[in-house]
C-alpha cells in the first residue's frame, strides 16, 4: 500500500550543502520524498512510500533519514495535528457551525494546544469522533425510519433503491 506523510527534522550544524543533503538522502533510499529546506537548520520530507503498513513506511523513512543525516532530530511526523479549519473541512461544515457544535457538546475532544486564536487536535482523535458520529447518525436515521407507517417505509425503500420491494 502507498502512504503519504511528512517528516520534519532539526539538523545539527550545517555540515552539508543542500545539494549534498539531497544526494545523501537519495542514496539512503529517500528517493520517494520531496525535500523542503525553507528554514535554516530544518528539513522537511514529503514521502509517498510503498510499504506493508503505515508504521513500516514511517519508521523506515526515519531510519533512512537518520542514516543519511547523522544527528538529525525528528520534530514532527504529519499528518497528526489539525486546526479548526481542517476539522471543519473533514466533516463538511463551516468553521462557525463546527465551533457551535464544539460549544454544545461537552464530549468533543480536548485540543492538545489552545492558543489565544487557535486550537489544535490530534487528527486520529477527530477521525474517531467522525466515525462514531457516522455510526450514531445511522442508528438515529434507522430509529426515525422505523417510526414511519409501513406503506411510507415501502415508498421510501422504492425511492432509495429505485426498485420496488416485494410486500
N, C-alpha and C. Protein backbone atom coordinates (compact mmCIF):
# COMPACT_ATOMS: atom_id res chain seq x y z
N UNK A 1 0.84 -1.17 0.00
CA UNK A 1 0.00 0.00 0.00
C UNK A 1 0.90 1.25 0.00
N UNK A 2 0.37 2.34 -0.52
CA UNK A 2 1.12 3.58 -0.60
C UNK A 2 0.69 4.53 0.51
N UNK A 3 1.66 5.14 1.19
CA UNK A 3 1.38 6.06 2.29
C UNK A 3 2.01 7.42 2.02
N UNK A 4 1.23 8.48 2.24
CA UNK A 4 1.70 9.85 2.09
C UNK A 4 1.83 10.47 3.47
N UNK A 5 3.02 10.97 3.78
CA UNK A 5 3.26 11.58 5.08
C UNK A 5 4.43 12.53 4.98
N UNK A 6 4.60 13.34 6.00
CA UNK A 6 5.68 14.33 6.05
C UNK A 6 6.46 14.15 7.35
N UNK A 7 7.77 14.23 7.23
CA UNK A 7 8.65 14.19 8.40
C UNK A 7 9.46 15.48 8.42
N UNK A 8 9.50 16.12 9.59
CA UNK A 8 10.28 17.34 9.75
C UNK A 8 11.39 17.09 10.76
N UNK A 9 12.60 17.52 10.40
CA UNK A 9 13.77 17.29 11.25
C UNK A 9 14.52 18.59 11.53
N UNK A 10 15.12 18.62 12.69
CA UNK A 10 16.07 19.68 13.04
C UNK A 10 17.45 19.11 12.73
N UNK A 11 18.26 19.90 12.05
CA UNK A 11 19.59 19.46 11.68
C UNK A 11 20.62 20.05 12.63
N UNK A 12 21.70 19.31 12.84
CA UNK A 12 22.81 19.85 13.61
C UNK A 12 23.49 20.91 12.76
N UNK A 13 24.55 21.43 13.22
CA UNK A 13 25.27 22.48 12.49
C UNK A 13 25.35 22.14 11.01
N UNK A 14 25.25 23.14 10.17
CA UNK A 14 25.25 22.95 8.71
C UNK A 14 26.57 22.37 8.24
N UNK A 15 26.60 21.03 8.15
CA UNK A 15 27.81 20.35 7.69
C UNK A 15 27.70 19.94 6.22
N UNK A 16 26.48 20.01 5.68
CA UNK A 16 26.25 19.61 4.29
C UNK A 16 25.56 20.74 3.55
N UNK A 17 25.88 20.89 2.27
CA UNK A 17 25.14 21.83 1.43
C UNK A 17 23.79 21.18 1.10
N UNK A 18 22.88 21.98 0.56
CA UNK A 18 21.57 21.46 0.17
C UNK A 18 21.74 20.34 -0.85
N UNK A 19 22.60 20.53 -1.80
CA UNK A 19 22.83 19.52 -2.83
C UNK A 19 23.36 18.23 -2.22
N UNK A 20 24.28 18.35 -1.26
CA UNK A 20 24.82 17.16 -0.58
C UNK A 20 23.73 16.45 0.21
N UNK A 21 22.86 17.21 0.89
CA UNK A 21 21.76 16.60 1.65
C UNK A 21 20.85 15.80 0.73
N UNK A 22 20.48 16.40 -0.37
CA UNK A 22 19.58 15.73 -1.31
C UNK A 22 20.23 14.47 -1.88
N UNK A 23 21.51 14.56 -2.21
CA UNK A 23 22.23 13.40 -2.73
C UNK A 23 22.31 12.30 -1.68
N UNK A 24 22.66 12.65 -0.45
CA UNK A 24 22.77 11.66 0.63
C UNK A 24 21.40 11.01 0.90
N UNK A 25 20.34 11.80 0.89
CA UNK A 25 19.00 11.26 1.13
C UNK A 25 18.61 10.29 0.02
N UNK A 26 18.91 10.64 -1.22
CA UNK A 26 18.61 9.74 -2.33
C UNK A 26 19.35 8.43 -2.22
N UNK A 27 20.62 8.50 -1.86
CA UNK A 27 21.44 7.29 -1.70
C UNK A 27 20.94 6.43 -0.54
N UNK A 28 20.34 7.06 0.46
CA UNK A 28 19.86 6.32 1.64
C UNK A 28 18.47 5.73 1.44
N UNK A 29 17.85 5.96 0.27
CA UNK A 29 16.54 5.37 0.00
C UNK A 29 15.38 6.35 0.10
N UNK A 30 15.67 7.62 0.21
CA UNK A 30 14.61 8.63 0.31
C UNK A 30 14.27 9.25 -1.05
N UNK A 31 14.44 8.47 -2.11
CA UNK A 31 14.12 8.98 -3.44
C UNK A 31 12.61 9.02 -3.69
N UNK A 32 11.83 8.60 -2.69
CA UNK A 32 10.37 8.67 -2.77
C UNK A 32 9.84 9.87 -2.00
N UNK A 33 10.71 10.87 -1.76
CA UNK A 33 10.31 12.04 -0.99
C UNK A 33 10.69 13.32 -1.74
N UNK A 34 9.90 14.35 -1.50
CA UNK A 34 10.23 15.69 -1.95
C UNK A 34 10.84 16.41 -0.76
N UNK A 35 12.00 16.98 -0.97
CA UNK A 35 12.75 17.60 0.13
C UNK A 35 12.48 19.10 0.14
N UNK A 36 12.20 19.61 1.34
CA UNK A 36 12.00 21.04 1.50
C UNK A 36 12.93 21.59 2.56
N UNK A 37 13.62 22.67 2.21
CA UNK A 37 14.52 23.32 3.16
C UNK A 37 14.17 24.80 3.14
N UNK A 38 13.16 25.16 3.93
CA UNK A 38 12.72 26.55 3.93
C UNK A 38 13.25 27.33 5.11
N UNK A 39 13.57 26.65 6.17
CA UNK A 39 14.04 27.30 7.38
C UNK A 39 15.44 26.79 7.68
N UNK A 40 16.33 27.68 7.99
CA UNK A 40 17.71 27.30 8.27
C UNK A 40 17.77 26.29 9.42
N UNK A 41 18.52 25.22 9.21
CA UNK A 41 18.68 24.20 10.24
C UNK A 41 17.53 23.22 10.34
N UNK A 42 16.61 23.28 9.40
CA UNK A 42 15.45 22.37 9.37
C UNK A 42 15.33 21.76 7.99
N UNK A 43 14.70 20.59 7.96
CA UNK A 43 14.43 19.93 6.68
C UNK A 43 13.09 19.20 6.81
N UNK A 44 12.31 19.24 5.75
CA UNK A 44 11.03 18.53 5.70
C UNK A 44 11.04 17.63 4.48
N UNK A 45 10.55 16.42 4.65
CA UNK A 45 10.47 15.48 3.55
C UNK A 45 9.03 15.00 3.43
N UNK A 46 8.44 15.21 2.24
CA UNK A 46 7.09 14.73 1.95
C UNK A 46 7.22 13.42 1.20
N UNK A 47 6.84 12.34 1.86
CA UNK A 47 7.00 10.99 1.31
C UNK A 47 5.73 10.48 0.67
N UNK A 48 5.90 9.68 -0.35
CA UNK A 48 4.89 8.77 -0.88
C UNK A 48 5.62 7.44 -0.91
N UNK A 49 5.40 6.63 0.13
CA UNK A 49 6.20 5.42 0.32
C UNK A 49 5.32 4.18 0.27
N UNK A 50 5.78 3.23 -0.52
CA UNK A 50 5.14 1.92 -0.64
C UNK A 50 5.61 1.07 0.54
N UNK A 51 4.65 0.46 1.27
CA UNK A 51 5.02 -0.36 2.41
C UNK A 51 3.84 -1.24 2.82
N UNK A 52 4.14 -2.25 3.63
CA UNK A 52 3.10 -3.16 4.11
C UNK A 52 2.17 -2.50 5.12
N UNK A 53 2.68 -1.48 5.83
CA UNK A 53 1.86 -0.80 6.84
C UNK A 53 2.33 0.64 6.98
N UNK A 54 1.48 1.47 7.54
CA UNK A 54 1.84 2.87 7.79
C UNK A 54 3.03 2.95 8.73
N UNK A 55 3.01 2.12 9.74
CA UNK A 55 4.12 2.09 10.71
C UNK A 55 5.44 1.77 10.02
N UNK A 56 5.44 0.73 9.19
CA UNK A 56 6.66 0.37 8.46
C UNK A 56 7.13 1.50 7.56
N UNK A 57 6.19 2.17 6.90
CA UNK A 57 6.55 3.26 5.99
C UNK A 57 7.22 4.40 6.75
N UNK A 58 6.61 4.85 7.82
CA UNK A 58 7.15 5.99 8.58
C UNK A 58 8.46 5.62 9.26
N UNK A 59 8.50 4.47 9.91
CA UNK A 59 9.72 4.09 10.64
C UNK A 59 10.89 3.85 9.69
N UNK A 60 10.63 3.27 8.52
CA UNK A 60 11.73 3.06 7.58
C UNK A 60 12.23 4.39 7.04
N UNK A 61 11.34 5.34 6.84
CA UNK A 61 11.75 6.67 6.36
C UNK A 61 12.61 7.37 7.41
N UNK A 62 12.21 7.29 8.68
CA UNK A 62 13.00 7.90 9.76
C UNK A 62 14.39 7.26 9.80
N UNK A 63 14.42 5.95 9.70
CA UNK A 63 15.70 5.22 9.71
C UNK A 63 16.57 5.66 8.52
N UNK A 64 15.97 5.79 7.34
CA UNK A 64 16.72 6.21 6.15
C UNK A 64 17.29 7.62 6.33
N UNK A 65 16.48 8.52 6.86
CA UNK A 65 16.92 9.91 7.05
C UNK A 65 18.06 9.97 8.06
N UNK A 66 17.90 9.26 9.15
CA UNK A 66 18.96 9.27 10.17
C UNK A 66 20.24 8.63 9.65
N UNK A 67 20.12 7.69 8.74
CA UNK A 67 21.31 7.10 8.13
C UNK A 67 22.00 8.08 7.20
N UNK A 68 21.22 8.91 6.53
CA UNK A 68 21.78 9.88 5.60
C UNK A 68 22.29 11.13 6.30
N UNK A 69 21.61 11.51 7.37
CA UNK A 69 21.96 12.75 8.08
C UNK A 69 22.12 12.43 9.57
N UNK A 70 23.29 11.96 9.96
CA UNK A 70 23.51 11.64 11.37
C UNK A 70 23.23 12.85 12.26
N UNK A 71 22.56 12.61 13.36
CA UNK A 71 22.24 13.68 14.31
C UNK A 71 20.95 14.41 14.01
N UNK A 72 20.28 14.07 12.90
CA UNK A 72 19.00 14.72 12.59
C UNK A 72 18.00 14.36 13.68
N UNK A 73 17.27 15.36 14.17
CA UNK A 73 16.33 15.17 15.28
C UNK A 73 14.90 15.34 14.76
N UNK A 74 14.08 14.31 14.92
CA UNK A 74 12.69 14.38 14.46
C UNK A 74 11.94 15.44 15.26
N UNK A 75 11.31 16.36 14.56
CA UNK A 75 10.50 17.41 15.18
C UNK A 75 9.02 17.03 15.13
N UNK A 76 8.60 16.53 13.94
CA UNK A 76 7.18 16.24 13.77
C UNK A 76 6.97 15.26 12.64
N UNK A 77 6.01 14.37 12.84
CA UNK A 77 5.52 13.49 11.79
C UNK A 77 4.09 13.93 11.49
N UNK A 78 3.75 14.05 10.22
CA UNK A 78 2.42 14.51 9.85
C UNK A 78 1.83 13.54 8.82
N UNK A 79 0.53 13.36 8.76
CA UNK A 79 -0.46 14.22 9.38
C UNK A 79 -0.74 13.79 10.82
N UNK A 80 -0.81 14.75 11.69
CA UNK A 80 -1.20 14.49 13.07
C UNK A 80 -1.99 15.65 13.62
N UNK A 81 -1.42 16.83 13.60
CA UNK A 81 -2.09 17.98 14.19
C UNK A 81 -2.99 18.66 13.18
N UNK A 82 -4.22 18.97 13.61
CA UNK A 82 -5.17 19.66 12.74
C UNK A 82 -5.81 20.81 13.51
N UNK A 83 -6.10 21.87 12.78
CA UNK A 83 -6.77 23.02 13.36
C UNK A 83 -8.26 22.97 13.07
N UNK A 84 -8.95 23.97 13.53
CA UNK A 84 -10.40 24.04 13.38
C UNK A 84 -10.84 23.99 11.91
N UNK A 85 -10.13 24.70 11.04
CA UNK A 85 -10.49 24.69 9.62
C UNK A 85 -10.32 23.30 9.03
N UNK A 86 -9.23 22.60 9.40
CA UNK A 86 -9.01 21.24 8.91
C UNK A 86 -10.15 20.32 9.34
N UNK A 87 -10.55 20.42 10.61
CA UNK A 87 -11.63 19.58 11.13
C UNK A 87 -12.94 19.90 10.42
N UNK A 88 -13.22 21.18 10.24
CA UNK A 88 -14.46 21.59 9.56
C UNK A 88 -14.48 21.02 8.13
N UNK A 89 -13.36 21.09 7.44
CA UNK A 89 -13.28 20.53 6.09
C UNK A 89 -13.52 19.03 6.09
N UNK A 90 -12.96 18.33 7.09
CA UNK A 90 -13.12 16.87 7.18
C UNK A 90 -14.58 16.47 7.35
N UNK A 91 -15.31 17.24 8.16
CA UNK A 91 -16.70 16.87 8.43
C UNK A 91 -17.68 17.56 7.49
N UNK A 92 -17.16 18.43 6.61
CA UNK A 92 -18.03 19.07 5.62
C UNK A 92 -18.93 20.14 6.18
N UNK A 93 -18.42 20.94 7.09
CA UNK A 93 -19.22 22.04 7.62
C UNK A 93 -18.36 23.29 7.75
N UNK A 94 -19.01 24.39 8.02
CA UNK A 94 -18.27 25.64 8.17
C UNK A 94 -17.59 25.67 9.54
N UNK A 95 -16.57 26.51 9.64
CA UNK A 95 -15.89 26.68 10.94
C UNK A 95 -16.86 27.17 12.00
N UNK A 96 -17.76 28.08 11.61
CA UNK A 96 -18.71 28.64 12.57
C UNK A 96 -19.64 27.55 13.12
N UNK A 97 -20.15 26.70 12.23
CA UNK A 97 -21.03 25.62 12.70
C UNK A 97 -20.27 24.62 13.56
N UNK A 98 -19.03 24.34 13.19
CA UNK A 98 -18.23 23.43 14.00
C UNK A 98 -17.98 24.02 15.38
N UNK A 99 -17.69 25.30 15.44
CA UNK A 99 -17.46 25.96 16.73
C UNK A 99 -18.72 25.86 17.61
N UNK A 100 -19.90 26.04 17.01
CA UNK A 100 -21.17 25.91 17.76
C UNK A 100 -21.34 24.47 18.26
N UNK A 101 -21.02 23.51 17.39
CA UNK A 101 -21.11 22.10 17.77
C UNK A 101 -20.19 21.79 18.95
N UNK A 102 -18.96 22.30 18.88
CA UNK A 102 -17.99 22.08 19.96
C UNK A 102 -18.50 22.65 21.27
N UNK A 103 -19.09 23.84 21.20
CA UNK A 103 -19.57 24.51 22.42
C UNK A 103 -20.75 23.78 23.04
N UNK A 104 -21.56 23.10 22.21
CA UNK A 104 -22.75 22.44 22.72
C UNK A 104 -22.52 20.98 23.13
N UNK A 105 -21.35 20.43 22.82
CA UNK A 105 -21.06 19.03 23.16
C UNK A 105 -19.84 18.96 24.07
N UNK A 106 -20.09 18.61 25.30
CA UNK A 106 -19.01 18.54 26.29
C UNK A 106 -18.03 17.41 25.99
N UNK A 107 -18.46 16.41 25.19
CA UNK A 107 -17.59 15.27 24.91
C UNK A 107 -16.71 15.50 23.68
N UNK A 108 -16.75 16.71 23.10
CA UNK A 108 -15.86 17.00 21.96
C UNK A 108 -14.43 16.91 22.47
N UNK A 109 -13.53 16.30 21.69
CA UNK A 109 -12.16 16.11 22.17
C UNK A 109 -11.50 17.42 22.61
N UNK A 110 -10.71 17.31 23.65
CA UNK A 110 -9.95 18.45 24.14
C UNK A 110 -8.77 18.68 23.21
N UNK A 111 -8.53 19.93 22.83
CA UNK A 111 -7.38 20.19 21.96
C UNK A 111 -6.07 19.92 22.69
N UNK A 112 -5.04 19.54 21.92
CA UNK A 112 -3.72 19.31 22.52
C UNK A 112 -3.00 20.64 22.72
N UNK A 113 -3.49 21.67 22.04
CA UNK A 113 -2.94 23.01 22.22
C UNK A 113 -4.06 24.03 22.03
N UNK A 114 -4.14 24.97 22.95
CA UNK A 114 -5.09 26.07 22.82
C UNK A 114 -4.32 27.37 22.97
N UNK A 115 -4.36 28.16 21.93
CA UNK A 115 -3.74 29.48 21.97
C UNK A 115 -4.82 30.54 22.04
N UNK A 116 -4.41 31.76 21.96
CA UNK A 116 -5.35 32.87 22.01
C UNK A 116 -6.34 32.81 20.86
N UNK A 117 -5.85 32.47 19.66
CA UNK A 117 -6.70 32.47 18.48
C UNK A 117 -6.78 31.12 17.77
N UNK A 118 -6.15 30.10 18.32
CA UNK A 118 -6.17 28.83 17.61
C UNK A 118 -6.16 27.65 18.58
N UNK A 119 -6.67 26.54 18.08
CA UNK A 119 -6.65 25.29 18.81
C UNK A 119 -6.18 24.20 17.86
N UNK A 120 -5.54 23.18 18.42
CA UNK A 120 -5.01 22.08 17.61
C UNK A 120 -5.40 20.76 18.26
N UNK A 121 -5.82 19.80 17.42
CA UNK A 121 -6.19 18.47 17.87
C UNK A 121 -5.33 17.44 17.17
N UNK A 122 -5.28 16.25 17.75
CA UNK A 122 -4.67 15.12 17.05
C UNK A 122 -5.70 14.63 16.02
N UNK A 123 -5.27 14.46 14.79
CA UNK A 123 -6.15 14.05 13.70
C UNK A 123 -6.85 12.73 14.01
N UNK A 124 -6.13 11.76 14.58
CA UNK A 124 -6.73 10.45 14.86
C UNK A 124 -7.95 10.56 15.77
N UNK A 125 -7.87 11.41 16.78
CA UNK A 125 -8.99 11.57 17.71
C UNK A 125 -10.19 12.15 16.98
N UNK A 126 -9.95 13.11 16.11
CA UNK A 126 -11.03 13.72 15.33
C UNK A 126 -11.64 12.68 14.40
N UNK A 127 -10.81 11.87 13.74
CA UNK A 127 -11.32 10.84 12.83
C UNK A 127 -12.15 9.81 13.57
N UNK A 128 -11.73 9.45 14.79
CA UNK A 128 -12.52 8.51 15.60
C UNK A 128 -13.87 9.12 15.92
N UNK A 129 -13.88 10.41 16.24
CA UNK A 129 -15.13 11.11 16.55
C UNK A 129 -16.03 11.13 15.32
N UNK A 130 -15.45 11.36 14.13
CA UNK A 130 -16.23 11.38 12.90
C UNK A 130 -16.83 10.00 12.65
N UNK A 131 -16.04 8.94 12.83
CA UNK A 131 -16.55 7.58 12.63
C UNK A 131 -17.69 7.30 13.61
N UNK A 132 -17.49 7.67 14.87
CA UNK A 132 -18.52 7.45 15.88
C UNK A 132 -19.77 8.24 15.55
N UNK A 133 -19.60 9.48 15.11
CA UNK A 133 -20.75 10.32 14.75
C UNK A 133 -21.52 9.70 13.58
N UNK A 134 -20.80 9.12 12.61
CA UNK A 134 -21.46 8.46 11.47
C UNK A 134 -22.31 7.28 11.94
N UNK A 135 -21.75 6.46 12.81
CA UNK A 135 -22.50 5.30 13.33
C UNK A 135 -23.72 5.77 14.10
N UNK A 136 -23.53 6.80 14.94
CA UNK A 136 -24.66 7.33 15.72
C UNK A 136 -25.74 7.88 14.79
N UNK A 137 -25.34 8.57 13.74
CA UNK A 137 -26.29 9.11 12.77
C UNK A 137 -27.07 7.97 12.11
N UNK A 138 -26.39 6.91 11.71
CA UNK A 138 -27.06 5.78 11.07
C UNK A 138 -28.08 5.15 12.02
N UNK A 139 -27.73 5.01 13.28
CA UNK A 139 -28.66 4.47 14.28
C UNK A 139 -29.89 5.37 14.42
N UNK A 140 -29.66 6.67 14.49
CA UNK A 140 -30.77 7.60 14.64
C UNK A 140 -31.66 7.63 13.41
N UNK A 141 -31.06 7.57 12.22
CA UNK A 141 -31.86 7.53 11.00
C UNK A 141 -32.70 6.25 10.93
N UNK A 142 -32.11 5.13 11.30
CA UNK A 142 -32.85 3.86 11.29
C UNK A 142 -34.00 3.91 12.31
N UNK A 143 -33.74 4.48 13.47
CA UNK A 143 -34.78 4.60 14.50
C UNK A 143 -35.91 5.48 13.99
N UNK A 144 -35.57 6.61 13.37
CA UNK A 144 -36.59 7.51 12.84
C UNK A 144 -37.38 6.84 11.71
N UNK A 145 -36.68 6.14 10.83
CA UNK A 145 -37.35 5.47 9.71
C UNK A 145 -38.30 4.38 10.21
N UNK A 146 -37.95 3.74 11.32
CA UNK A 146 -38.81 2.68 11.86
C UNK A 146 -40.13 3.23 12.39
N UNK A 147 -40.20 4.53 12.62
CA UNK A 147 -41.43 5.16 13.11
C UNK A 147 -42.42 5.43 11.98
N UNK A 148 -41.95 5.34 10.74
CA UNK A 148 -42.85 5.57 9.60
C UNK A 148 -43.87 4.44 9.50
N UNK A 149 -45.02 4.76 8.96
CA UNK A 149 -46.02 3.74 8.71
C UNK A 149 -45.46 2.76 7.67
N UNK A 150 -45.88 1.50 7.71
CA UNK A 150 -45.35 0.50 6.76
C UNK A 150 -45.45 0.94 5.30
N UNK A 151 -46.52 1.57 4.89
CA UNK A 151 -46.67 2.00 3.50
C UNK A 151 -45.62 3.07 3.17
N UNK A 152 -45.38 3.98 4.11
CA UNK A 152 -44.38 5.03 3.89
C UNK A 152 -42.98 4.42 3.84
N UNK A 153 -42.72 3.41 4.68
CA UNK A 153 -41.42 2.72 4.65
C UNK A 153 -41.21 2.08 3.28
N UNK A 154 -42.28 1.46 2.74
CA UNK A 154 -42.20 0.80 1.43
C UNK A 154 -41.91 1.82 0.33
N UNK A 155 -42.61 2.96 0.34
CA UNK A 155 -42.39 4.00 -0.67
C UNK A 155 -40.96 4.55 -0.56
N UNK A 156 -40.48 4.72 0.65
CA UNK A 156 -39.12 5.23 0.86
C UNK A 156 -38.09 4.24 0.31
N UNK A 157 -38.28 2.92 0.59
CA UNK A 157 -37.38 1.90 0.05
C UNK A 157 -37.34 1.94 -1.47
N UNK A 158 -38.53 2.08 -2.09
CA UNK A 158 -38.62 2.12 -3.55
C UNK A 158 -37.89 3.35 -4.11
N UNK A 159 -38.03 4.48 -3.43
CA UNK A 159 -37.37 5.70 -3.89
C UNK A 159 -35.85 5.59 -3.76
N UNK A 160 -35.41 5.03 -2.66
CA UNK A 160 -33.96 4.95 -2.39
C UNK A 160 -33.30 3.92 -3.28
N UNK A 161 -33.91 2.77 -3.44
CA UNK A 161 -33.27 1.70 -4.21
C UNK A 161 -33.65 1.74 -5.69
N UNK A 162 -34.67 2.50 -6.02
CA UNK A 162 -35.18 2.57 -7.40
C UNK A 162 -35.69 1.22 -7.88
N UNK A 163 -35.95 0.32 -6.96
CA UNK A 163 -36.50 -1.00 -7.29
C UNK A 163 -37.66 -1.27 -6.35
N UNK A 164 -38.84 -1.64 -6.87
CA UNK A 164 -39.96 -1.99 -5.99
C UNK A 164 -39.61 -3.22 -5.14
N UNK A 165 -39.94 -3.15 -3.87
CA UNK A 165 -39.70 -4.26 -2.95
C UNK A 165 -40.98 -5.12 -2.88
N UNK A 166 -40.80 -6.43 -2.76
CA UNK A 166 -41.94 -7.32 -2.62
C UNK A 166 -42.58 -7.10 -1.26
N UNK A 167 -43.92 -7.11 -1.23
CA UNK A 167 -44.61 -6.89 0.04
C UNK A 167 -44.86 -8.18 0.76
